[in-house]
Structures are given as C-alpha cells and as structure tokens.
Amino acid sequence: MSNALPDCMVKDQAELKLLAKRIAQRDKRNQPCDKLKAQLLAKAQRSTATYQRRLDALPKIEYPPQLPVSGEREQLIELIRNHQVVVLAGETGSGKTTQLPKLCLEAGRGVGGMIGHTQPRRLAARTVAQRIADELNVPLGQQVGFQVRFTEQVSEISHIKLMTDGILLAETRQDPDLLRYDTIIVDEAHERSLNIDFLLGYLKQLLARRDD
C-alpha cells in the first residue's frame, strides 16, 4: 500500500499512512483488522481516482517565446524539481508571475495538490488567473482557479489557484499544514506587507513538516 501513496492526494497521505500503521500493529498482535483494511482500501481508491482525474486534466503547456523567463525554462524546472525553496528575481515584465505556475506544472507539481499562488491584491489575483487560464486555453475556474474575498472559482481539477495572501493565511487556521497544496508561490514578496511577512514566516516553519 505504501507504494501507492505517491499516486494519492497529498491531503490523504497522512491519514492513509496512519491507517496502514494501525493495521500493521494489529496484525503484529494477531488482532482482527478486516474493517480497517477495507477502510484503507476504500480511502486509497478514492484518493487515487481523484489523482488520476487531475492527471488526465493537465493542460498542454506552452510559453510565450518573447518572455525572458521562457528562455530559462529548462534551468528553472530543474531548480524546482531539486530544491524545496526557490527564490526567483527578475525585471518587471519578464514573465515571472504568469509563467512560474506553468513551470511548476511542467516540473510535475499541481497534481497531488494545488499550486497555490498568492497576490497582494484581489484584482491582481483575478486578472493573473484569467491570463494563465487563457494561455493554457482552459476555462477560468477549471484547471486554473482563484479565490478572493466573497468570490471563489476552484474545481476538483484545479491545478493552479490564485488568491490573496490573506486568503492563504486564513486557510492555515483550518489546514495548518496546507495539505491542499503541493507548491506555494508567494508573488511580490519584495513588497513586505504584514500579510506577506507573516506568510513567509509561517511557510519557513512549515518546511520542516512538509519536506515534499
């Protein structure tokens, strides 16, 4: 069963591992565990089915050749795959905001959990989401979603979710380990607002618990 966990959703893996551990302990003591095994199998199958639907829904990724970030595509994908934290700096208009989520997708992120992409302002979150959806040729709210105050367009197959940094901070109250996400992009981090500073500090602590 442990071999199947990489093909399950991130948010389900901790519970599945705990169930597997309980089953192993009961097996060792020769105690019945048929109900636990059935529960584990059902949860794993549901999670794997969700993972597969998200995998099947991955859009075709293309990059505007005129953007500087597009020219560094292979190097950036390699960095994303090999490092837990990547800091990307570049000139305004270089394509960081719109292309980085797509680079994360191509690096294999965004299937087991969403790529969370924060913006300091609500209008920017909505506008960037629409731009990325247009470039991927998908409807807004499907593979690319967004959430701002009072408005949310996110689906089960959303790979990329744009939101304000305040929305992500609020989510930490119900989901301290941010298990809905396998990647977090903090955009405009140089603005150093109170929300951004809190978020960066929180994510720094989270790195020790989320080595994925």
N, C-alpha and C. Protein backbone atom coordinates (compact mmCIF):
# COMPACT_ATOMS: atom_id res chain seq x y z
N MET A 1 0.82 -1.20 0.00
CA MET A 1 0.00 0.00 0.00
C MET A 1 0.86 1.26 0.00
N SER A 2 1.99 1.23 0.71
CA SER A 2 2.83 2.42 0.77
C SER A 2 3.32 2.83 -0.61
N ASN A 3 3.47 1.85 -1.52
CA ASN A 3 3.92 2.17 -2.87
C ASN A 3 2.88 2.96 -3.65
N ALA A 4 1.60 2.87 -3.23
CA ALA A 4 0.53 3.56 -3.94
C ALA A 4 0.38 5.00 -3.48
N LEU A 5 0.98 5.36 -2.34
CA LEU A 5 0.78 6.69 -1.78
C LEU A 5 1.21 7.82 -2.70
N PRO A 6 2.31 7.69 -3.48
CA PRO A 6 2.65 8.79 -4.38
C PRO A 6 1.56 9.11 -5.39
N ASP A 7 0.68 8.16 -5.68
CA ASP A 7 -0.42 8.37 -6.62
C ASP A 7 -1.71 8.74 -5.91
N CYS A 8 -1.60 9.15 -4.65
CA CYS A 8 -2.74 9.64 -3.88
C CYS A 8 -2.58 11.14 -3.65
N MET A 9 -3.67 11.78 -3.26
CA MET A 9 -3.62 13.20 -2.98
C MET A 9 -2.81 13.47 -1.71
N VAL A 10 -2.08 14.57 -1.70
CA VAL A 10 -1.25 14.92 -0.54
C VAL A 10 -2.08 14.96 0.74
N LYS A 11 -3.28 15.54 0.65
CA LYS A 11 -4.11 15.71 1.84
C LYS A 11 -4.56 14.37 2.43
N ASP A 12 -4.51 13.29 1.64
CA ASP A 12 -4.95 11.97 2.12
C ASP A 12 -3.80 11.11 2.62
N GLN A 13 -2.57 11.45 2.26
CA GLN A 13 -1.45 10.55 2.52
C GLN A 13 -1.19 10.33 4.01
N ALA A 14 -1.30 11.39 4.82
CA ALA A 14 -1.04 11.24 6.26
C ALA A 14 -2.05 10.28 6.89
N GLU A 15 -3.33 10.42 6.53
CA GLU A 15 -4.36 9.55 7.08
C GLU A 15 -4.16 8.11 6.62
N LEU A 16 -3.79 7.93 5.36
CA LEU A 16 -3.56 6.58 4.84
C LEU A 16 -2.37 5.91 5.53
N LYS A 17 -1.32 6.68 5.77
CA LYS A 17 -0.15 6.13 6.47
C LYS A 17 -0.51 5.73 7.90
N LEU A 18 -1.34 6.55 8.55
CA LEU A 18 -1.75 6.24 9.92
C LEU A 18 -2.59 4.96 9.96
N LEU A 19 -3.51 4.83 9.00
CA LEU A 19 -4.31 3.60 8.93
C LEU A 19 -3.43 2.38 8.68
N ALA A 20 -2.47 2.52 7.77
CA ALA A 20 -1.56 1.40 7.48
C ALA A 20 -0.75 1.01 8.72
N LYS A 21 -0.35 2.01 9.50
CA LYS A 21 0.41 1.74 10.72
C LYS A 21 -0.46 1.00 11.74
N ARG A 22 -1.72 1.42 11.88
CA ARG A 22 -2.63 0.75 12.82
C ARG A 22 -2.87 -0.70 12.40
N ILE A 23 -3.00 -0.93 11.09
CA ILE A 23 -3.21 -2.29 10.59
C ILE A 23 -1.98 -3.15 10.89
N ALA A 24 -0.79 -2.60 10.67
CA ALA A 24 0.44 -3.36 10.93
C ALA A 24 0.56 -3.72 12.41
N GLN A 25 0.18 -2.77 13.28
CA GLN A 25 0.25 -3.04 14.72
C GLN A 25 -0.72 -4.14 15.14
N ARG A 26 -1.95 -4.08 14.58
CA ARG A 26 -2.94 -5.11 14.93
C ARG A 26 -2.55 -6.47 14.35
N ASP A 27 -1.99 -6.46 13.15
CA ASP A 27 -1.50 -7.72 12.56
C ASP A 27 -0.42 -8.35 13.44
N LYS A 28 0.46 -7.50 13.94
CA LYS A 28 1.57 -7.99 14.77
C LYS A 28 1.06 -8.64 16.05
N ARG A 29 -0.08 -8.11 16.55
CA ARG A 29 -0.66 -8.67 17.78
C ARG A 29 -1.72 -9.73 17.48
N ASN A 30 -1.82 -10.11 16.20
CA ASN A 30 -2.81 -11.11 15.76
C ASN A 30 -4.24 -10.70 16.10
N GLN A 31 -4.51 -9.40 15.99
CA GLN A 31 -5.85 -8.89 16.24
C GLN A 31 -6.57 -8.67 14.90
N PRO A 32 -7.89 -8.83 14.88
CA PRO A 32 -8.63 -8.65 13.62
C PRO A 32 -8.54 -7.21 13.12
N CYS A 33 -8.39 -7.05 11.82
CA CYS A 33 -8.29 -5.70 11.26
C CYS A 33 -8.94 -5.62 9.88
N ASP A 34 -9.90 -6.50 9.62
CA ASP A 34 -10.54 -6.51 8.30
C ASP A 34 -11.24 -5.18 8.01
N LYS A 35 -11.91 -4.62 9.03
CA LYS A 35 -12.62 -3.35 8.82
C LYS A 35 -11.64 -2.22 8.49
N LEU A 36 -10.51 -2.21 9.20
CA LEU A 36 -9.50 -1.19 8.93
C LEU A 36 -8.92 -1.34 7.53
N LYS A 37 -8.70 -2.60 7.12
CA LYS A 37 -8.16 -2.83 5.78
C LYS A 37 -9.14 -2.38 4.70
N ALA A 38 -10.43 -2.65 4.93
CA ALA A 38 -11.45 -2.22 3.97
C ALA A 38 -11.53 -0.70 3.92
N GLN A 39 -11.41 -0.07 5.08
CA GLN A 39 -11.43 1.39 5.16
C GLN A 39 -10.24 1.99 4.43
N LEU A 40 -9.06 1.39 4.64
CA LEU A 40 -7.85 1.87 3.98
C LEU A 40 -7.97 1.73 2.47
N LEU A 41 -8.45 0.58 2.02
CA LEU A 41 -8.58 0.34 0.58
C LEU A 41 -9.55 1.33 -0.06
N ALA A 42 -10.69 1.57 0.60
CA ALA A 42 -11.69 2.49 0.05
C ALA A 42 -11.14 3.91 -0.04
N LYS A 43 -10.47 4.36 1.02
CA LYS A 43 -9.90 5.72 1.02
C LYS A 43 -8.81 5.85 -0.03
N ALA A 44 -7.97 4.83 -0.15
CA ALA A 44 -6.89 4.87 -1.13
C ALA A 44 -7.44 4.89 -2.55
N GLN A 45 -8.49 4.12 -2.80
CA GLN A 45 -9.08 4.09 -4.14
C GLN A 45 -9.70 5.43 -4.50
N ARG A 46 -10.40 6.05 -3.53
CA ARG A 46 -11.00 7.37 -3.80
C ARG A 46 -9.92 8.41 -4.09
N SER A 47 -8.86 8.37 -3.29
CA SER A 47 -7.79 9.35 -3.46
C SER A 47 -7.05 9.14 -4.79
N THR A 48 -6.80 7.88 -5.12
CA THR A 48 -6.12 7.57 -6.38
C THR A 48 -6.97 7.98 -7.58
N ALA A 49 -8.29 7.79 -7.47
CA ALA A 49 -9.19 8.19 -8.56
C ALA A 49 -9.16 9.70 -8.76
N THR A 50 -9.16 10.45 -7.65
CA THR A 50 -9.07 11.91 -7.75
C THR A 50 -7.75 12.32 -8.39
N TYR A 51 -6.66 11.69 -7.95
CA TYR A 51 -5.34 11.98 -8.51
C TYR A 51 -5.33 11.73 -10.02
N GLN A 52 -5.92 10.61 -10.44
CA GLN A 52 -5.92 10.26 -11.86
C GLN A 52 -6.74 11.25 -12.68
N ARG A 53 -7.89 11.69 -12.13
CA ARG A 53 -8.71 12.69 -12.84
C ARG A 53 -7.93 13.98 -13.02
N ARG A 54 -7.20 14.37 -12.00
CA ARG A 54 -6.40 15.59 -12.09
C ARG A 54 -5.25 15.42 -13.08
N LEU A 55 -4.66 14.23 -13.09
CA LEU A 55 -3.57 13.95 -14.03
C LEU A 55 -4.09 14.00 -15.47
N ASP A 56 -5.26 13.40 -15.69
CA ASP A 56 -5.85 13.39 -17.03
C ASP A 56 -6.24 14.79 -17.51
N ALA A 57 -6.50 15.69 -16.55
CA ALA A 57 -6.98 17.03 -16.90
C ALA A 57 -5.84 18.02 -17.13
N LEU A 58 -4.59 17.57 -17.01
CA LEU A 58 -3.47 18.50 -17.21
C LEU A 58 -3.53 19.14 -18.60
N PRO A 59 -3.43 20.45 -18.67
CA PRO A 59 -3.49 21.12 -19.98
C PRO A 59 -2.15 21.07 -20.70
N LYS A 60 -2.20 21.33 -21.99
CA LYS A 60 -0.96 21.45 -22.77
C LYS A 60 -0.29 22.77 -22.40
N ILE A 61 1.00 22.71 -22.11
CA ILE A 61 1.72 23.89 -21.62
C ILE A 61 2.57 24.48 -22.74
N GLU A 62 2.37 25.76 -23.00
CA GLU A 62 3.19 26.49 -23.96
C GLU A 62 3.64 27.79 -23.31
N TYR A 63 4.76 28.32 -23.78
CA TYR A 63 5.33 29.53 -23.20
C TYR A 63 5.52 30.60 -24.28
N PRO A 64 5.12 31.85 -23.99
CA PRO A 64 5.38 32.92 -24.96
C PRO A 64 6.89 33.09 -25.16
N PRO A 65 7.38 32.92 -26.38
CA PRO A 65 8.84 32.93 -26.60
C PRO A 65 9.49 34.28 -26.32
N GLN A 66 8.70 35.36 -26.32
CA GLN A 66 9.29 36.68 -26.14
C GLN A 66 9.62 37.00 -24.68
N LEU A 67 9.14 36.18 -23.75
CA LEU A 67 9.38 36.47 -22.33
C LEU A 67 10.72 35.89 -21.88
N PRO A 68 11.53 36.67 -21.15
CA PRO A 68 12.83 36.17 -20.68
C PRO A 68 12.75 34.88 -19.87
N VAL A 69 11.70 34.73 -19.04
CA VAL A 69 11.57 33.52 -18.23
C VAL A 69 11.46 32.28 -19.11
N SER A 70 10.82 32.42 -20.26
CA SER A 70 10.65 31.26 -21.15
C SER A 70 12.00 30.73 -21.62
N GLY A 71 12.96 31.63 -21.81
CA GLY A 71 14.28 31.22 -22.25
C GLY A 71 15.07 30.46 -21.20
N GLU A 72 14.67 30.61 -19.93
CA GLU A 72 15.35 29.92 -18.83
C GLU A 72 14.54 28.71 -18.35
N ARG A 73 13.60 28.27 -19.18
CA ARG A 73 12.63 27.25 -18.77
C ARG A 73 13.28 25.99 -18.21
N GLU A 74 14.20 25.39 -18.93
CA GLU A 74 14.77 24.11 -18.50
C GLU A 74 15.52 24.24 -17.19
N GLN A 75 16.28 25.32 -17.05
CA GLN A 75 17.04 25.52 -15.81
C GLN A 75 16.10 25.73 -14.62
N LEU A 76 15.03 26.49 -14.82
CA LEU A 76 14.09 26.75 -13.73
C LEU A 76 13.34 25.49 -13.33
N ILE A 77 12.95 24.68 -14.30
CA ILE A 77 12.26 23.42 -13.98
C ILE A 77 13.17 22.51 -13.17
N GLU A 78 14.44 22.46 -13.54
CA GLU A 78 15.40 21.64 -12.80
C GLU A 78 15.54 22.13 -11.36
N LEU A 79 15.57 23.45 -11.17
CA LEU A 79 15.67 24.01 -9.82
C LEU A 79 14.43 23.65 -8.99
N ILE A 80 13.26 23.76 -9.60
CA ILE A 80 12.02 23.45 -8.90
C ILE A 80 11.98 21.98 -8.47
N ARG A 81 12.46 21.10 -9.34
CA ARG A 81 12.45 19.67 -9.02
C ARG A 81 13.43 19.31 -7.92
N ASN A 82 14.54 20.04 -7.83
CA ASN A 82 15.63 19.62 -6.95
C ASN A 82 15.75 20.40 -5.65
N HIS A 83 14.94 21.45 -5.47
CA HIS A 83 15.08 22.28 -4.27
C HIS A 83 13.72 22.53 -3.63
N GLN A 84 13.71 22.51 -2.30
CA GLN A 84 12.46 22.74 -1.57
C GLN A 84 12.02 24.20 -1.68
N VAL A 85 12.98 25.11 -1.75
CA VAL A 85 12.70 26.54 -1.87
C VAL A 85 13.49 27.11 -3.04
N VAL A 86 12.82 27.88 -3.89
CA VAL A 86 13.47 28.58 -5.00
C VAL A 86 13.08 30.05 -4.92
N VAL A 87 14.06 30.94 -4.95
CA VAL A 87 13.81 32.38 -4.97
C VAL A 87 14.10 32.88 -6.38
N LEU A 88 13.09 33.46 -7.01
CA LEU A 88 13.22 33.93 -8.39
C LEU A 88 13.07 35.44 -8.42
N ALA A 89 14.09 36.12 -8.93
CA ALA A 89 14.07 37.57 -9.06
C ALA A 89 14.26 37.93 -10.53
N GLY A 90 13.56 38.95 -10.98
CA GLY A 90 13.69 39.36 -12.38
C GLY A 90 13.02 40.70 -12.60
N GLU A 91 13.28 41.27 -13.75
CA GLU A 91 12.71 42.57 -14.08
C GLU A 91 11.19 42.47 -14.25
N THR A 92 10.51 43.58 -14.02
CA THR A 92 9.07 43.66 -14.30
C THR A 92 8.82 43.36 -15.77
N GLY A 93 7.85 42.49 -16.04
CA GLY A 93 7.54 42.13 -17.42
C GLY A 93 8.32 40.95 -17.95
N SER A 94 9.13 40.32 -17.10
CA SER A 94 9.94 39.19 -17.57
C SER A 94 9.15 37.89 -17.64
N GLY A 95 7.93 37.88 -17.05
CA GLY A 95 7.08 36.69 -17.14
C GLY A 95 7.05 35.85 -15.88
N LYS A 96 7.61 36.35 -14.79
CA LYS A 96 7.66 35.55 -13.56
C LYS A 96 6.26 35.15 -13.09
N THR A 97 5.37 36.12 -13.02
CA THR A 97 4.05 35.88 -12.43
C THR A 97 3.23 34.87 -13.22
N THR A 98 3.21 35.00 -14.53
CA THR A 98 2.35 34.13 -15.35
C THR A 98 3.01 32.82 -15.74
N GLN A 99 4.33 32.79 -15.83
CA GLN A 99 4.99 31.57 -16.32
C GLN A 99 5.44 30.63 -15.22
N LEU A 100 5.71 31.15 -14.01
CA LEU A 100 6.21 30.29 -12.94
C LEU A 100 5.21 29.18 -12.57
N PRO A 101 3.91 29.46 -12.47
CA PRO A 101 2.98 28.34 -12.19
C PRO A 101 3.00 27.28 -13.28
N LYS A 102 3.17 27.68 -14.53
CA LYS A 102 3.24 26.72 -15.63
C LYS A 102 4.53 25.91 -15.55
N LEU A 103 5.62 26.54 -15.15
CA LEU A 103 6.88 25.82 -14.96
C LEU A 103 6.73 24.78 -13.85
N CYS A 104 6.02 25.15 -12.79
CA CYS A 104 5.78 24.19 -11.70
C CYS A 104 4.96 23.00 -12.20
N LEU A 105 3.96 23.28 -13.04
CA LEU A 105 3.17 22.19 -13.64
C LEU A 105 4.06 21.25 -14.44
N GLU A 106 4.92 21.83 -15.26
CA GLU A 106 5.79 21.00 -16.10
C GLU A 106 6.81 20.24 -15.27
N ALA A 107 7.13 20.76 -14.08
CA ALA A 107 8.06 20.08 -13.18
C ALA A 107 7.39 18.94 -12.42
N GLY A 108 6.08 18.75 -12.64
CA GLY A 108 5.38 17.64 -12.00
C GLY A 108 4.56 18.04 -10.79
N ARG A 109 4.48 19.33 -10.52
CA ARG A 109 3.69 19.80 -9.39
C ARG A 109 2.23 20.00 -9.82
N GLY A 110 1.35 20.20 -8.83
CA GLY A 110 -0.02 20.58 -9.14
C GLY A 110 -0.98 19.43 -9.39
N VAL A 111 -0.55 18.18 -9.21
CA VAL A 111 -1.45 17.04 -9.40
C VAL A 111 -1.88 16.48 -8.05
N GLY A 112 -0.93 16.12 -7.20
CA GLY A 112 -1.25 15.62 -5.87
C GLY A 112 -1.82 16.68 -4.95
N GLY A 113 -1.63 17.92 -5.30
CA GLY A 113 -2.18 19.07 -4.58
C GLY A 113 -2.11 20.27 -5.50
N MET A 114 -2.75 21.35 -5.13
CA MET A 114 -2.76 22.53 -5.99
C MET A 114 -1.45 23.33 -5.87
N ILE A 115 -1.18 24.10 -6.89
CA ILE A 115 -0.12 25.11 -6.84
C ILE A 115 -0.79 26.39 -6.35
N GLY A 116 -0.55 26.74 -5.10
CA GLY A 116 -1.12 27.97 -4.55
C GLY A 116 -0.24 29.15 -4.93
N HIS A 117 -0.86 30.20 -5.47
CA HIS A 117 -0.12 31.35 -5.99
C HIS A 117 -0.73 32.61 -5.40
N THR A 118 -0.01 33.27 -4.51
CA THR A 118 -0.59 34.43 -3.82
C THR A 118 -0.24 35.74 -4.51
N GLN A 119 -1.18 36.67 -4.40
CA GLN A 119 -1.01 38.04 -4.89
C GLN A 119 -1.41 38.99 -3.76
N PRO A 120 -0.78 40.17 -3.68
CA PRO A 120 -1.13 41.10 -2.60
C PRO A 120 -2.53 41.71 -2.75
N ARG A 121 -3.04 41.77 -3.99
CA ARG A 121 -4.31 42.46 -4.22
C ARG A 121 -5.32 41.56 -4.93
N ARG A 122 -6.60 41.79 -4.62
CA ARG A 122 -7.68 40.96 -5.17
C ARG A 122 -7.75 41.05 -6.69
N LEU A 123 -7.64 42.27 -7.21
CA LEU A 123 -7.74 42.45 -8.65
C LEU A 123 -6.63 41.70 -9.37
N ALA A 124 -5.43 41.74 -8.81
CA ALA A 124 -4.30 41.03 -9.42
C ALA A 124 -4.54 39.53 -9.42
N ALA A 125 -5.08 38.99 -8.33
CA ALA A 125 -5.33 37.55 -8.26
C ALA A 125 -6.30 37.12 -9.36
N ARG A 126 -7.37 37.88 -9.53
CA ARG A 126 -8.37 37.55 -10.56
C ARG A 126 -7.80 37.72 -11.96
N THR A 127 -7.06 38.79 -12.19
CA THR A 127 -6.52 39.09 -13.52
C THR A 127 -5.45 38.07 -13.93
N VAL A 128 -4.56 37.75 -12.99
CA VAL A 128 -3.49 36.78 -13.30
C VAL A 128 -4.09 35.40 -13.56
N ALA A 129 -5.10 35.02 -12.79
CA ALA A 129 -5.75 33.72 -13.01
C ALA A 129 -6.33 33.66 -14.42
N GLN A 130 -7.00 34.73 -14.84
CA GLN A 130 -7.58 34.75 -16.18
C GLN A 130 -6.50 34.66 -17.26
N ARG A 131 -5.39 35.37 -17.03
CA ARG A 131 -4.30 35.37 -18.01
C ARG A 131 -3.70 33.97 -18.16
N ILE A 132 -3.45 33.30 -17.04
CA ILE A 132 -2.87 31.96 -17.10
C ILE A 132 -3.85 30.98 -17.74
N ALA A 133 -5.13 31.10 -17.39
CA ALA A 133 -6.15 30.23 -18.00
C ALA A 133 -6.19 30.44 -19.51
N ASP A 134 -6.11 31.69 -19.95
CA ASP A 134 -6.12 31.98 -21.38
C ASP A 134 -4.90 31.36 -22.07
N GLU A 135 -3.73 31.47 -21.44
CA GLU A 135 -2.51 30.92 -22.04
C GLU A 135 -2.54 29.40 -22.11
N LEU A 136 -3.24 28.77 -21.15
CA LEU A 136 -3.36 27.31 -21.15
C LEU A 136 -4.58 26.84 -21.94
N ASN A 137 -5.36 27.81 -22.43
CA ASN A 137 -6.55 27.51 -23.23
C ASN A 137 -7.56 26.66 -22.45
N VAL A 138 -7.81 27.06 -21.20
CA VAL A 138 -8.79 26.37 -20.36
C VAL A 138 -9.73 27.41 -19.76
N PRO A 139 -10.96 27.01 -19.39
CA PRO A 139 -11.89 27.97 -18.78
C PRO A 139 -11.44 28.35 -17.37
N LEU A 140 -11.59 29.60 -17.02
CA LEU A 140 -11.28 30.03 -15.66
C LEU A 140 -12.20 29.30 -14.68
N GLY A 141 -11.62 28.78 -13.61
CA GLY A 141 -12.39 28.04 -12.62
C GLY A 141 -12.24 26.54 -12.77
N GLN A 142 -11.59 26.10 -13.84
CA GLN A 142 -11.34 24.67 -14.02
C GLN A 142 -9.88 24.36 -13.64
N GLN A 143 -9.01 24.14 -14.61
CA GLN A 143 -7.61 23.84 -14.27
C GLN A 143 -6.92 25.01 -13.57
N VAL A 144 -7.38 26.21 -13.84
CA VAL A 144 -6.87 27.41 -13.16
C VAL A 144 -8.03 28.08 -12.43
N GLY A 145 -7.91 28.22 -11.12
CA GLY A 145 -8.97 28.85 -10.34
C GLY A 145 -8.44 30.03 -9.55
N PHE A 146 -9.34 30.70 -8.84
CA PHE A 146 -8.91 31.81 -8.00
C PHE A 146 -9.87 31.96 -6.83
N GLN A 147 -9.39 32.60 -5.77
CA GLN A 147 -10.24 32.91 -4.63
C GLN A 147 -9.83 34.25 -4.05
N VAL A 148 -10.80 35.12 -3.92
CA VAL A 148 -10.61 36.39 -3.22
C VAL A 148 -11.78 36.52 -2.24
N ARG A 149 -11.81 37.58 -1.50
CA ARG A 149 -12.88 37.76 -0.52
C ARG A 149 -14.25 37.75 -1.20
N PHE A 150 -15.14 36.88 -0.75
CA PHE A 150 -16.51 36.73 -1.23
C PHE A 150 -16.63 36.03 -2.58
N THR A 151 -15.52 35.67 -3.22
CA THR A 151 -15.59 35.03 -4.54
C THR A 151 -14.60 33.88 -4.61
N GLU A 152 -15.09 32.72 -5.07
CA GLU A 152 -14.21 31.56 -5.25
C GLU A 152 -14.63 30.80 -6.49
N GLN A 153 -13.68 30.57 -7.38
CA GLN A 153 -13.90 29.72 -8.55
C GLN A 153 -12.77 28.70 -8.61
N VAL A 154 -12.98 27.57 -7.96
CA VAL A 154 -12.00 26.49 -7.90
C VAL A 154 -12.75 25.18 -8.06
N SER A 155 -12.18 24.24 -8.81
CA SER A 155 -12.84 22.95 -9.02
C SER A 155 -11.94 21.82 -8.53
N GLU A 156 -12.47 20.60 -8.61
CA GLU A 156 -11.70 19.43 -8.19
C GLU A 156 -10.46 19.23 -9.05
N ILE A 157 -10.49 19.73 -10.30
CA ILE A 157 -9.34 19.55 -11.18
C ILE A 157 -8.47 20.80 -11.28
N SER A 158 -8.67 21.76 -10.37
CA SER A 158 -7.82 22.96 -10.40
C SER A 158 -6.39 22.60 -10.01
N HIS A 159 -5.47 22.86 -10.92
CA HIS A 159 -4.04 22.63 -10.66
C HIS A 159 -3.39 23.88 -10.08
N ILE A 160 -3.87 25.04 -10.48
CA ILE A 160 -3.31 26.32 -10.07
C ILE A 160 -4.41 27.14 -9.42
N LYS A 161 -4.14 27.69 -8.25
CA LYS A 161 -5.12 28.54 -7.57
C LYS A 161 -4.47 29.87 -7.21
N LEU A 162 -4.98 30.93 -7.81
CA LEU A 162 -4.57 32.28 -7.46
C LEU A 162 -5.40 32.76 -6.28
N MET A 163 -4.79 33.52 -5.38
CA MET A 163 -5.52 34.04 -4.22
C MET A 163 -4.73 35.17 -3.61
N THR A 164 -5.36 35.94 -2.75
CA THR A 164 -4.61 36.94 -1.99
C THR A 164 -3.85 36.24 -0.87
N ASP A 165 -2.78 36.89 -0.41
CA ASP A 165 -2.01 36.28 0.68
C ASP A 165 -2.86 36.17 1.95
N GLY A 166 -3.83 37.08 2.11
CA GLY A 166 -4.73 36.99 3.26
C GLY A 166 -5.59 35.74 3.23
N ILE A 167 -6.02 35.33 2.04
CA ILE A 167 -6.82 34.10 1.91
C ILE A 167 -6.01 32.89 2.35
N LEU A 168 -4.76 32.81 1.90
CA LEU A 168 -3.92 31.66 2.27
C LEU A 168 -3.65 31.65 3.77
N LEU A 169 -3.40 32.82 4.34
CA LEU A 169 -3.19 32.89 5.79
C LEU A 169 -4.43 32.39 6.53
N ALA A 170 -5.61 32.78 6.05
CA ALA A 170 -6.85 32.34 6.70
C ALA A 170 -7.01 30.83 6.61
N GLU A 171 -6.55 30.22 5.52
CA GLU A 171 -6.67 28.77 5.36
C GLU A 171 -5.82 28.01 6.37
N THR A 172 -4.76 28.63 6.87
CA THR A 172 -3.90 27.93 7.82
C THR A 172 -4.63 27.62 9.13
N ARG A 173 -5.74 28.30 9.40
CA ARG A 173 -6.48 28.03 10.63
C ARG A 173 -7.18 26.67 10.57
N GLN A 174 -7.72 26.33 9.39
CA GLN A 174 -8.38 25.02 9.23
C GLN A 174 -7.43 23.94 8.72
N ASP A 175 -6.37 24.35 8.06
CA ASP A 175 -5.44 23.40 7.43
C ASP A 175 -4.01 23.85 7.74
N PRO A 176 -3.54 23.60 8.98
CA PRO A 176 -2.24 24.13 9.40
C PRO A 176 -1.07 23.70 8.52
N ASP A 177 -1.16 22.51 7.92
CA ASP A 177 -0.07 22.03 7.08
C ASP A 177 -0.30 22.31 5.59
N LEU A 178 -1.37 23.04 5.28
CA LEU A 178 -1.69 23.42 3.89
C LEU A 178 -1.66 22.20 2.96
N LEU A 179 -2.37 21.15 3.37
CA LEU A 179 -2.33 19.88 2.65
C LEU A 179 -3.10 19.90 1.33
N ARG A 180 -3.83 20.97 1.06
CA ARG A 180 -4.50 21.08 -0.25
C ARG A 180 -3.49 21.44 -1.35
N TYR A 181 -2.28 21.82 -0.94
CA TYR A 181 -1.28 22.33 -1.88
C TYR A 181 -0.03 21.46 -1.87
N ASP A 182 0.60 21.33 -3.05
CA ASP A 182 1.93 20.72 -3.08
C ASP A 182 3.00 21.74 -3.42
N THR A 183 2.58 22.97 -3.71
CA THR A 183 3.50 24.04 -4.06
C THR A 183 2.88 25.38 -3.66
N ILE A 184 3.69 26.27 -3.12
CA ILE A 184 3.23 27.63 -2.80
C ILE A 184 4.15 28.63 -3.49
N ILE A 185 3.55 29.56 -4.23
CA ILE A 185 4.28 30.67 -4.84
C ILE A 185 3.84 31.95 -4.15
N VAL A 186 4.78 32.66 -3.53
CA VAL A 186 4.48 33.95 -2.92
C VAL A 186 4.99 35.03 -3.87
N ASP A 187 4.07 35.64 -4.58
CA ASP A 187 4.44 36.66 -5.57
C ASP A 187 4.55 38.03 -4.89
N GLU A 188 5.34 38.90 -5.50
CA GLU A 188 5.54 40.26 -4.99
C GLU A 188 6.02 40.25 -3.54
N ALA A 189 6.87 39.27 -3.20
CA ALA A 189 7.34 39.16 -1.81
C ALA A 189 8.15 40.38 -1.38
N HIS A 190 8.72 41.08 -2.35
CA HIS A 190 9.54 42.25 -2.01
C HIS A 190 8.71 43.39 -1.42
N GLU A 191 7.38 43.34 -1.56
CA GLU A 191 6.54 44.40 -1.00
C GLU A 191 6.55 44.39 0.52
N ARG A 192 6.82 43.21 1.11
CA ARG A 192 7.00 43.07 2.56
C ARG A 192 5.84 43.68 3.35
N SER A 193 4.62 43.38 2.94
CA SER A 193 3.45 43.78 3.72
C SER A 193 3.39 42.91 4.97
N LEU A 194 2.51 43.28 5.90
CA LEU A 194 2.36 42.49 7.12
C LEU A 194 1.92 41.07 6.79
N ASN A 195 0.95 40.94 5.86
CA ASN A 195 0.48 39.61 5.46
C ASN A 195 1.60 38.78 4.84
N ILE A 196 2.38 39.39 3.96
CA ILE A 196 3.46 38.66 3.30
C ILE A 196 4.51 38.22 4.32
N ASP A 197 4.87 39.10 5.26
CA ASP A 197 5.86 38.74 6.27
C ASP A 197 5.36 37.60 7.15
N PHE A 198 4.09 37.67 7.56
CA PHE A 198 3.51 36.57 8.35
C PHE A 198 3.54 35.27 7.55
N LEU A 199 3.16 35.36 6.27
CA LEU A 199 3.08 34.17 5.43
C LEU A 199 4.46 33.55 5.23
N LEU A 200 5.46 34.37 4.96
CA LEU A 200 6.82 33.85 4.77
C LEU A 200 7.33 33.18 6.05
N GLY A 201 7.05 33.79 7.20
CA GLY A 201 7.45 33.19 8.46
C GLY A 201 6.76 31.86 8.71
N TYR A 202 5.47 31.81 8.38
CA TYR A 202 4.70 30.57 8.56
C TYR A 202 5.24 29.47 7.65
N LEU A 203 5.49 29.81 6.39
CA LEU A 203 5.99 28.82 5.44
C LEU A 203 7.37 28.31 5.83
N LYS A 204 8.19 29.18 6.39
CA LYS A 204 9.52 28.76 6.85
C LYS A 204 9.40 27.67 7.91
N GLN A 205 8.45 27.84 8.84
CA GLN A 205 8.24 26.82 9.86
C GLN A 205 7.64 25.55 9.26
N LEU A 206 6.78 25.73 8.25
CA LEU A 206 6.11 24.58 7.64
C LEU A 206 7.08 23.68 6.88
N LEU A 207 8.17 24.23 6.39
CA LEU A 207 9.13 23.45 5.60
C LEU A 207 9.62 22.22 6.35
N ALA A 208 9.76 22.33 7.66
CA ALA A 208 10.25 21.20 8.45
C ALA A 208 9.22 20.07 8.51
N ARG A 209 7.93 20.43 8.43
CA ARG A 209 6.86 19.41 8.49
C ARG A 209 6.49 18.90 7.11
N ARG A 210 6.75 19.70 6.09
CA ARG A 210 6.38 19.32 4.72
C ARG A 210 7.64 19.25 3.86
N ASP A 211 8.35 18.14 3.94
CA ASP A 211 9.58 18.03 3.15
C ASP A 211 9.30 17.78 1.67
N ASP A 212 8.01 17.66 1.32
CA ASP A 212 7.64 17.47 -0.09
C ASP A 212 7.50 18.81 -0.79
